[in-house]
Amino acid sequence: MSDSTTSIRLEGDDLATWAALATVLEWLPPALDAALVRDFDLTHFEYGILFALAHAPEHALRMTVLASYANSSLSRLSRAISRVEGRGLVQRSRDPLDGRSTLATLTEAGLEMLEKANPVQARTVTELVLEPLTNAQRRHLREISMRIQRAIREQEGWQPPTTALPVRL
């Protein structure tokens, strides 16, 4: 009985494709962080937390739901929430519907920070990811990304909100 995985090798075009994607996976996160950290002392991960909360009903989500959205462990999310909570951008409280759960709620200051950071984030994403591609390549990238997401897990990934940033709290 042979192990079929021993005969699989990445080489040629497959290796070149994987190398290109792996490099993007390594280089993109710090590139997304750079302008946000420089201008707002906010990582891309923290920006994502604020963004998710801004688009949630009543600007609040259970920590477990937020961790799922961020594909994060609760401990990593908790550290990030502590950091933005210390800056007054988010506050934690017990969920009134389930006292065992903790809610993260975006504050007015958090919404203001997000409004300031949005153009910087949009410019960074546009410059790094969208501008180098044609419209057809953007569509293909979206389709390819969705296929890879489905290969990783059946659960649907994050979907963009259908509306712009919500009104003030």
Protein backbone atom coordinates (compact mmCIF):
# COMPACT_ATOMS: atom_id res chain seq x y z
CA MET A 1 0.00 0.00 0.00
CA SER A 2 1.60 3.27 -1.09
CA ASP A 3 0.96 6.74 0.18
CA SER A 4 -0.42 8.72 -2.77
CA THR A 5 0.86 12.00 -1.30
CA THR A 6 4.48 10.95 -1.78
CA SER A 7 4.06 11.08 -5.54
CA ILE A 8 2.67 14.63 -5.60
CA ARG A 9 5.23 17.30 -6.35
CA LEU A 10 4.92 20.95 -7.18
CA GLU A 11 7.00 21.78 -10.21
CA GLY A 12 6.92 23.78 -13.41
CA ASP A 13 3.90 26.03 -13.87
CA ASP A 14 2.21 24.68 -10.72
CA LEU A 15 5.23 25.59 -8.60
CA ALA A 16 5.48 29.01 -10.25
CA THR A 17 1.76 29.64 -9.61
CA TRP A 18 2.04 28.58 -5.98
CA ALA A 19 5.22 30.63 -5.48
CA ALA A 20 3.49 33.74 -6.83
CA LEU A 21 0.45 33.27 -4.60
CA ALA A 22 2.52 32.37 -1.53
CA THR A 23 4.58 35.53 -2.01
CA VAL A 24 1.43 37.66 -2.22
CA LEU A 25 0.09 35.96 0.94
CA GLU A 26 3.31 36.90 2.77
CA TRP A 27 3.82 40.40 1.37
CA LEU A 28 0.25 41.74 1.34
CA PRO A 29 -0.57 41.83 5.10
CA PRO A 30 2.36 44.08 6.09
CA ALA A 31 1.75 46.23 3.00
CA LEU A 32 -1.89 46.67 4.06
CA ASP A 33 -0.75 47.55 7.59
CA ALA A 34 1.84 50.15 6.60
CA ALA A 35 -0.29 53.22 5.84
CA LEU A 36 -2.89 52.43 8.52
CA VAL A 37 -0.21 52.05 11.19
CA ARG A 38 1.64 55.16 10.01
CA ASP A 39 -1.44 57.40 9.84
CA PHE A 40 -3.74 55.94 12.51
CA ASP A 41 -1.70 53.51 14.65
CA LEU A 42 -4.19 50.88 13.47
CA THR A 43 -3.37 47.51 11.92
CA HIS A 44 -5.33 46.09 9.00
CA PHE A 45 -6.72 43.49 11.42
CA GLU A 46 -7.93 46.21 13.79
CA TYR A 47 -9.36 48.17 10.85
CA GLY A 48 -11.28 45.02 9.88
CA ILE A 49 -12.72 44.80 13.39
CA LEU A 50 -13.94 48.40 13.22
CA PHE A 51 -15.31 47.86 9.72
CA ALA A 52 -17.24 44.73 10.73
CA LEU A 53 -18.70 46.45 13.78
CA ALA A 54 -19.68 49.54 11.76
CA HIS A 55 -21.76 47.36 9.45
CA ALA A 56 -23.29 45.18 12.17
CA PRO A 57 -26.76 45.79 13.60
CA GLU A 58 -26.46 48.36 16.40
CA HIS A 59 -22.69 48.40 15.67
CA ALA A 60 -22.23 45.35 17.90
CA LEU A 61 -21.21 41.71 17.47
CA ARG A 62 -20.54 38.85 19.83
CA MET A 63 -16.83 38.24 20.18
CA THR A 64 -17.25 34.68 18.86
CA VAL A 65 -18.98 35.97 15.72
CA LEU A 66 -16.33 38.64 15.22
CA ALA A 67 -13.58 36.02 15.64
CA SER A 68 -15.25 33.88 13.00
CA TYR A 69 -15.50 36.83 10.58
CA ALA A 70 -11.82 37.61 11.16
CA ASN A 71 -10.75 33.94 10.97
CA SER A 72 -9.11 34.60 14.30
CA SER A 73 -8.71 32.84 17.59
CA LEU A 74 -10.61 34.42 20.46
CA SER A 75 -7.30 35.18 22.19
CA ARG A 76 -5.90 37.08 19.18
CA LEU A 77 -9.18 38.94 18.77
CA SER A 78 -9.30 39.72 22.50
CA ARG A 79 -5.80 41.24 22.36
CA ALA A 80 -6.77 43.39 19.38
CA ILE A 81 -10.04 44.43 21.02
CA SER A 82 -8.14 45.37 24.20
CA ARG A 83 -5.85 47.59 22.13
CA VAL A 84 -8.68 49.44 20.34
CA GLU A 85 -10.80 49.47 23.51
CA GLY A 86 -7.92 51.21 25.31
CA ARG A 87 -8.12 53.93 22.66
CA GLY A 88 -11.89 54.29 23.15
CA LEU A 89 -12.76 52.90 19.71
CA VAL A 90 -14.65 49.84 20.93
CA GLN A 91 -16.22 48.82 24.20
CA ARG A 92 -16.99 45.37 25.54
CA SER A 93 -20.06 44.41 27.53
CA ARG A 94 -22.05 41.34 28.48
CA ASP A 95 -24.60 40.30 25.87
CA PRO A 96 -28.02 41.05 27.40
CA LEU A 97 -29.49 38.09 25.46
CA ASP A 98 -26.84 35.66 26.72
CA GLY A 99 -24.85 36.67 29.78
CA ARG A 100 -22.14 34.14 28.91
CA SER A 101 -21.28 36.02 25.73
CA THR A 102 -19.38 39.27 25.33
CA LEU A 103 -20.37 41.96 22.86
CA ALA A 104 -17.92 44.26 21.14
CA THR A 105 -19.56 47.57 20.26
CA LEU A 106 -18.15 50.32 18.08
CA THR A 107 -18.06 53.69 19.82
CA GLU A 108 -18.56 57.11 18.27
CA ALA A 109 -14.77 57.56 18.36
CA GLY A 110 -14.39 54.21 16.59
CA LEU A 111 -16.77 55.26 13.84
CA GLU A 112 -14.89 58.55 13.44
CA MET A 113 -11.57 56.66 13.22
CA LEU A 114 -13.02 54.33 10.61
CA GLU A 115 -14.30 57.25 8.55
CA LYS A 116 -10.81 58.80 8.58
CA ALA A 117 -9.07 55.49 7.82
CA ASN A 118 -11.42 54.40 5.01
CA PRO A 119 -9.86 56.56 2.27
CA VAL A 120 -6.35 55.44 3.25
CA GLN A 121 -7.37 51.78 3.21
CA ALA A 122 -9.23 52.19 -0.09
CA ARG A 123 -6.21 53.89 -1.66
CA THR A 124 -3.86 51.15 -0.43
CA VAL A 125 -6.09 48.33 -1.69
CA THR A 126 -6.58 50.12 -5.01
CA GLU A 127 -2.85 50.73 -5.51
CA LEU A 128 -1.68 47.28 -4.42
CA VAL A 129 -4.42 44.98 -5.66
CA LEU A 130 -6.84 46.63 -8.08
CA GLU A 131 -4.86 49.09 -10.22
CA PRO A 132 -2.31 46.52 -11.41
CA LEU A 133 -5.18 44.46 -12.89
CA THR A 134 -7.52 44.93 -15.80
CA ASN A 135 -11.27 44.75 -15.14
CA ALA A 136 -11.31 41.20 -16.52
CA GLN A 137 -8.40 40.22 -14.26
CA ARG A 138 -10.22 41.71 -11.25
CA ARG A 139 -13.26 39.58 -12.06
CA HIS A 140 -11.03 36.51 -12.49
CA LEU A 141 -9.24 37.21 -9.22
CA ARG A 142 -12.61 37.40 -7.44
CA GLU A 143 -13.73 34.11 -9.02
CA ILE A 144 -10.41 32.39 -8.24
CA SER A 145 -10.48 33.66 -4.66
CA MET A 146 -14.03 32.34 -4.19
CA ARG A 147 -13.00 28.91 -5.48
CA ILE A 148 -10.03 28.79 -3.11
CA GLN A 149 -12.27 29.88 -0.22
CA ARG A 150 -14.70 27.03 -0.99
CA ALA A 151 -11.82 24.54 -1.17
CA ILE A 152 -10.68 25.62 2.30
CA ARG A 153 -14.12 25.52 3.93
CA GLU A 154 -17.73 25.30 2.92
CA GLN A 155 -18.67 28.20 5.17
CA GLU A 156 -19.10 31.37 3.14
CA GLY A 157 -16.39 33.95 3.69
CA TRP A 158 -16.79 37.62 4.44
CA GLN A 159 -19.07 39.41 2.02
CA PRO A 160 -18.92 43.17 1.50
CA PRO A 161 -21.84 45.16 2.86
CA THR A 162 -24.40 46.27 0.32
CA THR A 163 -24.49 49.78 1.76
CA ALA A 164 -21.94 52.47 2.45
CA LEU A 165 -20.66 53.19 5.94
CA PRO A 166 -23.67 53.53 8.22
CA VAL A 167 -24.81 56.76 9.74
CA ARG A 168 -23.51 57.96 13.08
CA LEU A 169 -24.32 56.13 16.27
